[in-house]
């Protein structure tokens, strides 16, 4: 077992060290999934904690030292299982405090979502609790959960915010959401909930047309429904479904970038791989062409490429050596592993600062408060910001597909430092429209040709043709009138002689 020790002379107010020179044991009690079916499973993220612990121990060797204990078992295999075995946390907590009542205990939860039970236990025990999985903004109530923090890399609230900002920036008030209901991954359902509950949708400012994609769905039928109701469509689903769906849009001539907008809404990583056109099969060429009209909305991170490569290389090695899991050659550690490294370094820094200030770090409410509105910088690996509600705030990007390298390139982003979308320098979204303006969210003539402008266009030619016919008819009547009036005059005066005829010629 590793440990988190504080060897430091503290004031009596800390109530953690009985005498100067004593050592304080501070334990990270980590509860979560064990089988590596989910990205936040302990064998996949544990190495991030281990590397962060090693670095913190070296950097603050005269102040702290870190230990961690895992609470899990083979019975905790799925998201629903984590909530069923919270009693394991209680047993470890009470057993630990009885044996080491002079220690500081910190809970870490690596579940699929925030758990109210986890936050309630931490409040009852008045200890710091860190949720490292996906986070739910409904549980950021500082009154109900005053000692809880959400530090996981993915926040669904970010997608709702970005959804509203993108629609506002491009003047779209009517959009569609096509979402996977197969259950292959839970994310599409989360996006459905996030978009549907956004303020703009609930207020009616933004109309959201919903198009579920069930298993074995006829994509052609769904696309026909989309063509009758939306021109801007957000898609969320398993990577294989997104690829297949975009191929069908190309077949239905619905990939014109000046009429249709397709935006895939994705997580940075999922256990079944990223959204990509390339599958090394016969559809690669047509998929590449179809992806040319696709953009991606995704949480993005500002890691230095070389530092990120080295860190993930360390995580990969430790995963095999210490946890018995081997990554496939084309896969690498996820942001959950990077996040466990970052939060361990931030935790050590905040605890150290709190000790220096003479704060009572045994008070979970007070310790949690030290993280709020705080940015921790981990050098080239990037920054970690915790907002006033105790939730980590990442950056989210909108990225068009780039044919030159066969991937998505960031063009716009949103983060906690700005209230509006920000443009990535030297990037332009090419819409292929007059003036390169974003396409309309509704066809010029409406979805069924009922648009007022379309009616004007259809009536005007009729009026012009009728006017021309009337003019021709009137001209013809005038001609006839003139013709007959001249003929009648000549016919009635037949008896008259002309001047030359009445001249008398002598014999």
Protein backbone atom coordinates (compact mmCIF):
# COMPACT_ATOMS: atom_id res chain seq x y z
CA UNK A 1 0.00 0.00 0.00
CA UNK A 2 1.17 3.46 -0.83
CA UNK A 3 0.48 6.34 1.45
CA UNK A 4 -0.02 10.01 1.69
CA UNK A 5 2.00 11.26 4.67
CA UNK A 6 2.41 14.75 5.94
CA UNK A 7 5.61 15.16 7.93
CA UNK A 8 5.33 18.70 9.11
CA UNK A 9 5.22 20.81 12.27
CA UNK A 10 1.61 22.06 12.45
CA UNK A 11 -0.21 24.37 14.81
CA UNK A 12 -2.59 22.98 17.40
CA UNK A 13 -5.57 24.19 15.39
CA UNK A 14 -4.87 21.53 12.78
CA UNK A 15 -5.64 18.78 15.33
CA UNK A 16 -3.79 16.31 13.15
CA UNK A 17 -0.29 16.08 14.58
CA UNK A 18 0.14 15.63 18.24
CA UNK A 19 3.63 16.94 18.44
CA UNK A 20 6.26 18.59 16.33
CA UNK A 21 8.13 16.25 14.05
CA UNK A 22 5.20 13.75 13.95
CA UNK A 23 4.00 12.22 10.68
CA UNK A 24 0.46 12.58 9.46
CA UNK A 25 -0.97 9.83 7.28
CA UNK A 26 -3.42 11.13 4.68
CA UNK A 27 -5.06 8.35 2.72
CA UNK A 28 -6.66 8.51 -0.75
CA UNK A 29 -9.53 6.05 -0.48
CA UNK A 30 -10.40 5.29 -4.13
CA UNK A 31 -13.66 3.54 -4.99
CA UNK A 32 -14.77 2.52 -8.49
CA UNK A 33 -14.96 -0.01 -11.28
CA UNK A 34 -12.27 -2.64 -11.60
CA UNK A 35 -12.76 -4.53 -14.90
CA UNK A 36 -11.37 -2.23 -17.63
CA UNK A 37 -14.59 -2.05 -19.65
CA UNK A 38 -14.98 1.68 -18.90
CA UNK A 39 -12.31 4.35 -19.40
CA UNK A 40 -12.53 5.40 -15.74
CA UNK A 41 -11.92 1.85 -14.46
CA UNK A 42 -9.20 1.60 -11.81
CA UNK A 43 -6.67 -0.39 -13.92
CA UNK A 44 -6.80 2.37 -16.58
CA UNK A 45 -6.69 5.47 -14.36
CA UNK A 46 -4.75 4.07 -11.39
CA UNK A 47 -1.36 4.62 -13.06
CA UNK A 48 -2.18 8.34 -13.34
CA UNK A 49 -2.61 8.49 -9.56
CA UNK A 50 0.62 6.55 -9.05
CA UNK A 51 2.69 8.87 -11.25
CA UNK A 52 1.19 11.95 -9.63
CA UNK A 53 1.89 10.52 -6.17
CA UNK A 54 5.53 9.79 -7.03
CA UNK A 55 6.10 13.30 -8.37
CA UNK A 56 4.40 14.99 -5.41
CA UNK A 57 6.46 12.96 -2.98
CA UNK A 58 9.68 14.03 -4.68
CA UNK A 59 8.73 17.69 -5.05
CA UNK A 60 7.43 18.06 -1.47
CA UNK A 61 9.51 15.38 0.22
CA UNK A 62 9.98 17.42 3.40
CA UNK A 63 6.24 18.10 3.71
CA UNK A 64 4.12 15.27 2.34
CA UNK A 65 4.08 11.77 1.12
CA UNK A 66 1.20 10.01 -0.65
CA UNK A 67 -0.64 6.69 -0.20
CA UNK A 68 -3.73 5.29 -1.88
CA UNK A 69 -6.07 2.38 -1.15
CA UNK A 70 -8.47 0.92 -3.71
CA UNK A 71 -11.95 -0.20 -2.71
CA UNK A 72 -13.31 -2.41 -5.45
CA UNK A 73 -13.80 -5.97 -6.48
CA UNK A 74 -14.76 -8.09 -9.43
CA UNK A 75 -18.42 -7.65 -8.48
CA UNK A 76 -18.21 -3.93 -9.36
CA UNK A 77 -18.28 -4.40 -13.12
CA UNK A 78 -20.78 -1.80 -14.42
CA UNK A 79 -22.10 1.66 -13.74
CA UNK A 80 -25.11 0.34 -11.86
CA UNK A 81 -22.87 -1.72 -9.56
CA UNK A 82 -20.99 1.24 -8.10
CA UNK A 83 -24.12 2.49 -6.33
CA UNK A 84 -24.89 -0.99 -5.00
CA UNK A 85 -21.64 -1.37 -3.09
CA UNK A 86 -21.23 1.98 -1.33
CA UNK A 87 -21.35 0.10 1.96
CA UNK A 88 -17.74 -0.88 1.19
CA UNK A 89 -16.77 2.77 1.59
CA UNK A 90 -18.49 2.94 4.99
CA UNK A 91 -16.73 -0.20 6.24
CA UNK A 92 -13.33 1.11 5.13
CA UNK A 93 -14.01 4.55 6.58
CA UNK A 94 -14.99 3.39 10.06
CA UNK A 95 -12.28 0.73 10.15
CA UNK A 96 -9.67 3.21 8.99
CA UNK A 97 -10.61 5.95 11.46
CA UNK A 98 -10.56 3.50 14.35
CA UNK A 99 -7.03 2.41 13.49
CA UNK A 100 -5.63 5.78 12.37
CA UNK A 101 -7.66 8.49 14.03
CA UNK A 102 -4.86 10.99 13.60
CA UNK A 103 -5.01 10.72 9.79
CA UNK A 104 -6.62 12.78 7.08
CA UNK A 105 -8.84 10.70 4.81
CA UNK A 106 -9.88 11.81 1.31
CA UNK A 107 -12.50 9.95 -0.74
CA UNK A 108 -12.15 9.50 -4.51
CA UNK A 109 -14.98 8.08 -6.62
CA UNK A 110 -14.39 6.76 -10.16
CA UNK A 111 -17.96 6.01 -11.21
CA UNK A 112 -19.90 6.63 -14.40
CA UNK A 113 -21.68 9.65 -12.92
CA UNK A 114 -21.91 11.64 -9.72
CA UNK A 115 -23.61 9.82 -6.87
CA UNK A 116 -25.75 11.59 -4.28
CA UNK A 117 -24.81 8.90 -1.76
CA UNK A 118 -21.12 9.64 -2.24
CA UNK A 119 -21.67 13.36 -1.61
CA UNK A 120 -23.91 12.67 1.38
CA UNK A 121 -21.37 10.37 3.03
CA UNK A 122 -18.62 12.96 2.60
CA UNK A 123 -20.88 15.68 4.09
CA UNK A 124 -21.79 13.45 7.03
CA UNK A 125 -18.14 12.69 7.75
CA UNK A 126 -16.99 16.23 6.84
CA UNK A 127 -14.20 14.98 4.61
CA UNK A 128 -13.10 16.02 1.14
CA UNK A 129 -14.67 13.92 -1.64
CA UNK A 130 -13.47 13.96 -5.26
CA UNK A 131 -15.56 12.54 -8.09
CA UNK A 132 -13.24 11.65 -10.98
CA UNK A 133 -15.82 10.21 -13.38
CA UNK A 134 -18.33 12.08 -15.53
CA UNK A 135 -20.12 14.86 -13.67
CA UNK A 136 -23.73 15.91 -13.26
CA UNK A 137 -24.38 19.66 -12.77
CA UNK A 138 -27.49 18.88 -10.70
CA UNK A 139 -25.20 17.75 -7.90
CA UNK A 140 -23.09 20.90 -7.64
CA UNK A 141 -25.18 22.30 -4.80
CA UNK A 142 -22.67 23.61 -2.26
CA UNK A 143 -25.27 23.44 0.53
CA UNK A 144 -26.20 19.81 -0.04
CA UNK A 145 -22.68 18.69 -0.99
CA UNK A 146 -20.29 21.18 0.65
CA UNK A 147 -17.25 18.86 0.67
CA UNK A 148 -17.61 17.40 -2.84
CA UNK A 149 -15.64 18.26 -6.00
CA UNK A 150 -16.10 16.98 -9.57
CA UNK A 151 -12.74 16.82 -11.34
CA UNK A 152 -13.48 14.39 -14.19
CA UNK A 153 -12.45 15.52 -17.70
CA UNK A 154 -15.97 15.37 -19.19
CA UNK A 155 -18.86 17.63 -18.21
CA UNK A 156 -22.22 17.31 -19.98
CA UNK A 157 -23.16 20.87 -19.09
CA UNK A 158 -20.37 22.04 -21.42
CA UNK A 159 -22.14 20.43 -24.38
CA UNK A 160 -25.40 22.20 -23.56
CA UNK A 161 -23.56 25.54 -23.31
CA UNK A 162 -21.68 25.00 -26.57
CA UNK A 163 -24.90 23.90 -28.31
CA UNK A 164 -26.58 27.20 -27.44
CA UNK A 165 -23.56 29.33 -28.30
CA UNK A 166 -23.06 27.70 -31.72
CA UNK A 167 -26.72 28.17 -32.64
CA UNK A 168 -26.63 31.78 -31.48
CA UNK A 169 -23.38 32.57 -33.32
CA UNK A 170 -24.70 31.17 -36.63
CA UNK A 171 -28.23 32.53 -36.21
CA UNK A 172 -29.86 29.08 -36.13
CA UNK A 173 -33.20 28.84 -34.34
CA UNK A 174 -34.39 25.49 -35.71
CA UNK A 175 -32.06 22.47 -35.55
CA UNK A 176 -32.28 18.69 -35.39
CA UNK A 177 -30.77 16.06 -33.13
CA UNK A 178 -30.29 12.53 -34.51
CA UNK A 179 -29.23 10.27 -31.65
CA UNK A 180 -28.38 6.61 -31.19
CA UNK A 181 -30.86 4.72 -28.99
CA UNK A 182 -29.16 1.32 -29.30
CA UNK A 183 -27.46 1.62 -25.92
CA UNK A 184 -24.05 0.80 -27.40
CA UNK A 185 -22.78 3.79 -25.44
CA UNK A 186 -24.77 5.90 -22.92
CA UNK A 187 -23.46 9.23 -24.19
CA UNK A 188 -26.16 9.92 -26.86
CA UNK A 189 -28.90 9.70 -24.24
CA UNK A 190 -26.97 12.13 -22.05
CA UNK A 191 -26.67 14.54 -24.98
CA UNK A 192 -30.40 14.22 -25.67
CA UNK A 193 -31.11 15.19 -22.06
CA UNK A 194 -28.55 18.03 -22.10
CA UNK A 195 -29.87 19.58 -25.33
CA UNK A 196 -33.54 19.11 -24.43
CA UNK A 197 -33.09 20.74 -21.01
CA UNK A 198 -31.04 23.70 -22.27
CA UNK A 199 -32.48 27.11 -21.48
CA UNK A 200 -32.94 28.08 -25.13
CA UNK A 201 -34.94 24.95 -25.92
CA UNK A 202 -37.10 25.17 -22.80
CA UNK A 203 -37.87 28.84 -23.47
CA UNK A 204 -38.81 28.17 -27.09
CA UNK A 205 -36.05 30.38 -28.45
CA UNK A 206 -34.52 27.32 -30.09
CA UNK A 207 -36.65 24.62 -31.75
CA UNK A 208 -35.12 21.16 -31.42
CA UNK A 209 -36.38 18.49 -33.82
CA UNK A 210 -35.59 15.01 -32.47
CA UNK A 211 -34.76 12.00 -34.65
CA UNK A 212 -34.06 8.79 -32.68
CA UNK A 213 -31.96 6.16 -34.45
CA UNK A 214 -32.98 2.75 -33.05
CA UNK A 215 -31.03 -0.47 -33.66
CA UNK A 216 -31.35 -1.77 -37.22
CA UNK A 217 -32.93 1.54 -38.25
CA UNK A 218 -33.56 2.36 -41.91
CA UNK A 219 -31.28 5.36 -42.27
CA UNK A 220 -32.88 6.37 -45.57
CA UNK A 221 -36.25 6.75 -43.85
CA UNK A 222 -34.71 8.81 -41.05
CA UNK A 223 -32.95 11.05 -43.57
CA UNK A 224 -36.24 11.61 -45.39
CA UNK A 225 -37.77 12.79 -42.11
CA UNK A 226 -34.79 15.05 -41.51
CA UNK A 227 -35.07 16.59 -44.98
CA UNK A 228 -38.64 17.63 -44.16
CA UNK A 229 -37.80 19.25 -40.83
CA UNK A 230 -34.15 20.36 -40.47
CA UNK A 231 -31.09 21.61 -42.32
CA UNK A 232 -28.76 21.86 -39.31
CA UNK A 233 -28.42 18.46 -37.65
CA UNK A 234 -26.43 17.42 -34.58
CA UNK A 235 -25.63 13.67 -34.45
CA UNK A 236 -24.64 11.59 -31.45
CA UNK A 237 -23.90 7.89 -31.58
CA UNK A 238 -21.33 5.13 -31.64
CA UNK A 239 -18.47 5.81 -34.08
CA UNK A 240 -19.55 3.03 -36.45
CA UNK A 241 -23.07 4.46 -36.60
CA UNK A 242 -21.81 7.97 -37.38
CA UNK A 243 -19.71 6.65 -40.25
CA UNK A 244 -22.57 4.60 -41.69
CA UNK A 245 -25.03 7.48 -41.29
CA UNK A 246 -22.77 9.95 -43.10
CA UNK A 247 -22.34 7.51 -46.00
CA UNK A 248 -26.14 7.40 -46.31
CA UNK A 249 -26.35 11.20 -46.32
CA UNK A 250 -23.95 11.24 -49.27
CA UNK A 251 -26.06 8.68 -51.11
CA UNK A 252 -29.15 10.86 -50.54
CA UNK A 253 -27.35 13.99 -51.81
CA UNK A 254 -27.65 15.61 -48.38
CA UNK A 255 -24.00 16.53 -47.84
CA UNK A 256 -24.01 19.86 -49.67
CA UNK A 257 -22.16 22.20 -47.31
CA UNK A 258 -24.17 25.20 -48.53
CA UNK A 259 -27.50 23.60 -47.62
CA UNK A 260 -26.97 20.99 -44.89
CA UNK A 261 -24.83 21.21 -41.74
CA UNK A 262 -23.91 17.98 -39.92
CA UNK A 263 -22.26 18.18 -36.48
CA UNK A 264 -21.23 15.03 -34.64
CA UNK A 265 -21.28 15.46 -30.85
CA UNK A 266 -18.56 13.29 -29.31
CA UNK A 267 -16.56 12.51 -26.23
CA UNK A 268 -12.76 12.84 -26.59
CA UNK A 269 -12.51 9.09 -26.05
CA UNK A 270 -14.88 6.18 -25.78
CA UNK A 271 -13.97 2.59 -25.03
CA UNK A 272 -14.97 1.52 -28.56
CA UNK A 273 -12.77 4.06 -30.34
CA UNK A 274 -13.05 7.52 -31.92
CA UNK A 275 -15.30 8.78 -34.72
CA UNK A 276 -13.39 8.22 -37.95
CA UNK A 277 -13.98 7.61 -41.64
CA UNK A 278 -11.18 5.07 -41.86
CA UNK A 279 -12.00 1.42 -41.18
CA UNK A 280 -9.70 -0.17 -43.78
CA UNK A 281 -12.64 -1.50 -45.79
CA UNK A 282 -14.30 -0.92 -49.16
CA UNK A 283 -16.31 2.05 -47.81
CA UNK A 284 -13.27 4.13 -46.83
CA UNK A 285 -13.26 6.21 -50.01
CA UNK A 286 -16.96 7.10 -49.91
CA UNK A 287 -16.78 7.68 -46.12
CA UNK A 288 -13.91 10.13 -46.60
CA UNK A 289 -16.00 12.06 -49.12
CA UNK A 290 -19.04 12.04 -46.82
CA UNK A 291 -17.00 13.29 -43.84
CA UNK A 292 -16.12 16.40 -45.85
CA UNK A 293 -19.45 17.93 -44.79
CA UNK A 294 -19.10 16.90 -41.14
CA UNK A 295 -18.02 18.99 -38.14
CA UNK A 296 -17.30 17.77 -34.64
CA UNK A 297 -18.30 19.23 -31.26
CA UNK A 298 -15.97 17.77 -28.64
CA UNK A 299 -14.23 18.58 -25.35
CA UNK A 300 -10.62 19.46 -26.14
CA UNK A 301 -7.43 19.75 -24.09
CA UNK A 302 -4.32 21.90 -24.45
CA UNK A 303 -1.57 19.43 -23.70
CA UNK A 304 1.89 19.92 -25.06
CA UNK A 305 2.16 17.06 -27.58
CA UNK A 306 5.57 15.83 -26.43
CA UNK A 307 4.79 16.07 -22.70
CA UNK A 308 1.46 14.34 -23.28
CA UNK A 309 3.18 11.56 -25.23
CA UNK A 310 5.72 10.99 -22.44
CA UNK A 311 3.08 10.97 -19.69
CA UNK A 312 0.85 8.54 -21.54
CA UNK A 313 3.87 6.37 -22.26
CA UNK A 314 4.52 6.13 -18.51
CA UNK A 315 0.84 5.36 -17.86
CA UNK A 316 0.87 2.64 -20.52
CA UNK A 317 3.90 0.94 -18.94
CA UNK A 318 2.52 1.08 -15.40
CA UNK A 319 -0.85 -0.22 -16.58
CA UNK A 320 0.84 -3.38 -17.83
CA UNK A 321 3.36 -3.78 -15.01
CA UNK A 322 1.13 -3.02 -12.01
CA UNK A 323 -2.46 -3.66 -13.16
CA UNK A 324 -2.07 -6.46 -15.70
CA UNK A 325 -3.77 -4.68 -18.58
CA UNK A 326 -2.25 -4.27 -22.05
CA UNK A 327 -3.33 -1.54 -24.42
CA UNK A 328 -3.91 -2.45 -28.06
CA UNK A 329 -1.21 -1.02 -30.36
CA UNK A 330 -3.61 1.58 -31.80
CA UNK A 331 -5.00 2.71 -28.42
CA UNK A 332 -3.52 4.94 -25.74
CA UNK A 333 -4.41 6.03 -22.19
CA UNK A 334 -7.42 8.31 -22.00
CA UNK A 335 -8.01 11.72 -20.47
CA UNK A 336 -9.36 9.99 -17.35
CA UNK A 337 -5.84 8.69 -16.71
CA UNK A 338 -4.36 12.13 -17.39
CA UNK A 339 -7.00 13.66 -15.11
CA UNK A 340 -6.10 11.36 -12.19
CA UNK A 341 -2.49 12.55 -12.55
CA UNK A 342 -3.55 16.22 -12.63
CA UNK A 343 -5.91 16.05 -9.66
CA UNK A 344 -3.29 14.25 -7.53
CA UNK A 345 -0.79 17.03 -8.23
CA UNK A 346 -3.43 19.71 -7.55
CA UNK A 347 -4.50 18.00 -4.32
CA UNK A 348 -0.92 17.92 -3.02
CA UNK A 349 -0.47 21.60 -3.92
CA UNK A 350 -3.70 22.73 -2.21
CA UNK A 351 -3.02 20.70 0.94
CA UNK A 352 0.49 22.12 1.12
CA UNK A 353 -0.78 25.69 0.70
CA UNK A 354 -3.46 25.11 3.35
CA UNK A 355 -0.84 23.88 5.80
CA UNK A 356 1.35 26.90 5.09
CA UNK A 357 -1.64 29.15 5.87
CA UNK A 358 -2.34 27.33 9.12
CA UNK A 359 -5.82 26.17 8.01
CA UNK A 360 -7.63 23.27 9.62
CA UNK A 361 -7.33 20.71 6.83
CA UNK A 362 -9.29 18.21 8.94
CA UNK A 363 -12.36 20.29 8.11
CA UNK A 364 -13.64 18.89 4.80
CA UNK A 365 -15.77 21.95 4.07
CA UNK A 366 -12.86 24.30 4.55
CA UNK A 367 -10.48 22.13 2.54
CA UNK A 368 -12.94 21.79 -0.36
CA UNK A 369 -13.39 25.57 -0.37
CA UNK A 370 -9.68 26.02 -1.13
CA UNK A 371 -10.22 24.40 -4.56
CA UNK A 372 -13.04 26.70 -5.67
CA UNK A 373 -12.31 29.26 -8.41
CA UNK A 374 -8.78 27.91 -8.58
CA UNK A 375 -6.59 27.08 -11.57
CA UNK A 376 -3.79 24.59 -11.16
CA UNK A 377 -1.09 24.56 -13.82
CA UNK A 378 0.70 21.29 -14.47
CA UNK A 379 3.27 22.72 -16.85
CA UNK A 380 3.09 21.36 -20.40
CA UNK A 381 0.29 18.95 -19.46
CA UNK A 382 -2.04 21.93 -19.14
CA UNK A 383 -4.29 23.56 -16.59
CA UNK A 384 -7.08 22.33 -14.35
CA UNK A 385 -9.74 24.87 -13.29
CA UNK A 386 -12.38 24.24 -10.60
CA UNK A 387 -15.31 26.68 -10.65
CA UNK A 388 -17.32 28.12 -7.75
CA UNK A 389 -19.60 25.07 -7.72
CA UNK A 390 -16.73 22.63 -7.33
CA UNK A 391 -16.81 21.41 -10.93
CA UNK A 392 -13.90 21.23 -13.31
CA UNK A 393 -14.38 23.35 -16.44
CA UNK A 394 -12.71 22.15 -19.61
CA UNK A 395 -12.58 23.64 -23.11
CA UNK A 396 -14.99 22.51 -25.81
CA UNK A 397 -14.30 22.93 -29.54
CA UNK A 398 -16.10 22.97 -32.89
CA UNK A 399 -13.89 21.39 -35.54
CA UNK A 400 -14.57 21.06 -39.29
CA UNK A 401 -13.23 18.03 -41.12
CA UNK A 402 -9.91 18.66 -42.86
CA UNK A 403 -9.36 16.60 -46.00
CA UNK A 404 -5.63 17.37 -46.10
CA UNK A 405 -4.91 15.19 -43.06
CA UNK A 406 -8.14 13.22 -42.83
CA UNK A 407 -9.17 14.53 -39.40
CA UNK A 408 -10.94 17.34 -37.60
CA UNK A 409 -9.24 20.72 -37.08
CA UNK A 410 -10.27 23.14 -34.32
CA UNK A 411 -11.93 26.32 -35.56
CA UNK A 412 -14.00 27.66 -32.63
CA UNK A 413 -13.89 27.02 -28.91
CA UNK A 414 -15.59 27.96 -25.66
CA UNK A 415 -14.11 27.93 -22.16
CA UNK A 416 -14.73 29.43 -18.73
CA UNK A 417 -12.68 32.56 -19.49
CA UNK A 418 -14.96 33.85 -22.28
CA UNK A 419 -18.69 34.48 -22.63
CA UNK A 420 -18.74 34.03 -26.42
CA UNK A 421 -17.26 31.62 -28.93
CA UNK A 422 -13.61 32.26 -29.69
CA UNK A 423 -11.98 31.68 -33.06
CA UNK A 424 -8.80 29.65 -33.31
CA UNK A 425 -6.18 31.86 -35.07
CA UNK A 426 -5.63 31.27 -38.78
CA UNK A 427 -8.67 29.04 -39.20
CA UNK A 428 -11.81 29.61 -41.27
CA UNK A 429 -14.91 27.45 -41.64
CA UNK A 430 -15.63 27.09 -45.37
CA UNK A 431 -19.40 27.06 -45.95
CA UNK A 432 -19.41 27.30 -49.77
CA UNK A 433 -22.13 29.95 -49.63
CA UNK A 434 -22.26 33.54 -50.96
CA UNK A 435 -20.02 35.61 -48.70
CA UNK A 436 -19.12 32.35 -46.86
CA UNK A 437 -22.10 32.89 -44.56
CA UNK A 438 -23.43 29.98 -42.44
CA UNK A 439 -26.26 28.12 -44.21
CA UNK A 440 -29.85 28.90 -43.29
CA UNK A 441 -31.58 26.63 -40.79
CA UNK A 442 -34.67 26.60 -43.05
CA UNK A 443 -34.80 26.28 -46.87
CA UNK A 444 -35.59 29.47 -48.78
CA UNK A 445 -38.94 28.06 -49.87
CA UNK A 446 -39.64 26.27 -46.57
CA UNK A 447 -39.47 22.53 -46.07
CA UNK A 448 -42.63 21.94 -48.14
CA UNK A 449 -42.43 24.91 -50.51
CA UNK A 450 -44.73 26.94 -48.32
CA UNK A 451 -42.34 29.85 -47.80
CA UNK A 452 -43.58 33.35 -48.59
CA UNK A 453 -40.52 34.12 -50.72
CA UNK A 454 -41.14 30.95 -52.72
CA UNK A 455 -44.77 31.95 -53.35
CA UNK A 456 -43.62 35.35 -54.64
CA UNK A 457 -41.16 33.67 -56.96
CA UNK A 458 -43.86 31.40 -58.40
CA UNK A 459 -46.49 34.17 -58.86
CA UNK A 460 -44.26 36.78 -60.50
CA UNK A 461 -43.55 34.84 -63.73
CA UNK A 462 -47.30 34.18 -64.17
CA UNK A 463 -48.06 37.88 -63.88
CA UNK A 464 -45.37 38.74 -66.42
CA UNK A 465 -46.62 36.16 -68.91
CA UNK A 466 -50.20 37.33 -68.52
CA UNK A 467 -49.18 40.95 -69.04
CA UNK A 468 -47.32 40.02 -72.23
CA UNK A 469 -50.33 38.09 -73.55
CA UNK A 470 -52.67 41.00 -72.79
CA UNK A 471 -50.29 43.39 -74.54
CA UNK A 472 -50.15 41.15 -77.63
CA UNK A 473 -53.93 40.75 -77.66
CA UNK A 474 -54.48 44.49 -77.32
CA UNK A 475 -52.00 45.22 -80.07
CA UNK A 476 -53.76 42.75 -82.31
CA UNK A 477 -57.11 44.40 -81.66
CA UNK A 478 -55.69 47.81 -82.49
CA UNK A 479 -54.27 46.45 -85.72
CA UNK A 480 -57.59 44.96 -86.72
CA UNK A 481 -59.41 48.18 -85.91
CA UNK A 482 -57.00 50.21 -87.97
CA UNK A 483 -57.13 47.75 -90.84
CA UNK A 484 -60.89 47.60 -91.13
CA UNK A 485 -61.39 51.31 -90.65
CA UNK A 486 -59.00 52.08 -93.55
CA UNK A 487 -60.62 49.47 -95.81
CA UNK A 488 -64.13 50.81 -95.10
CA UNK A 489 -63.15 54.38 -95.91
CA UNK A 490 -61.72 53.34 -99.25
CA UNK A 491 -64.77 51.21 -100.09
CA UNK A 492 -67.31 54.00 -99.35
CA UNK A 493 -65.59 56.58 -101.64
CA UNK A 494 -65.21 54.45 -104.74
CA UNK A 495 -67.03 56.98 -106.93
CA UNK A 496 -64.62 59.80 -106.32
CA UNK A 497 -62.03 60.67 -108.96
CA UNK A 498 -58.52 61.58 -108.18
CA UNK A 499 -57.06 64.93 -109.30
CA UNK A 500 -55.17 63.57 -112.28
CA UNK A 501 -58.35 61.89 -113.52
CA UNK A 502 -60.45 65.06 -113.61
CA UNK A 503 -57.95 67.16 -115.54
CA UNK A 504 -59.29 68.04 -119.00
CA UNK A 505 -57.04 67.29 -121.90
CA UNK A 506 -57.72 69.30 -125.23
CA UNK A 507 -58.45 67.30 -128.39
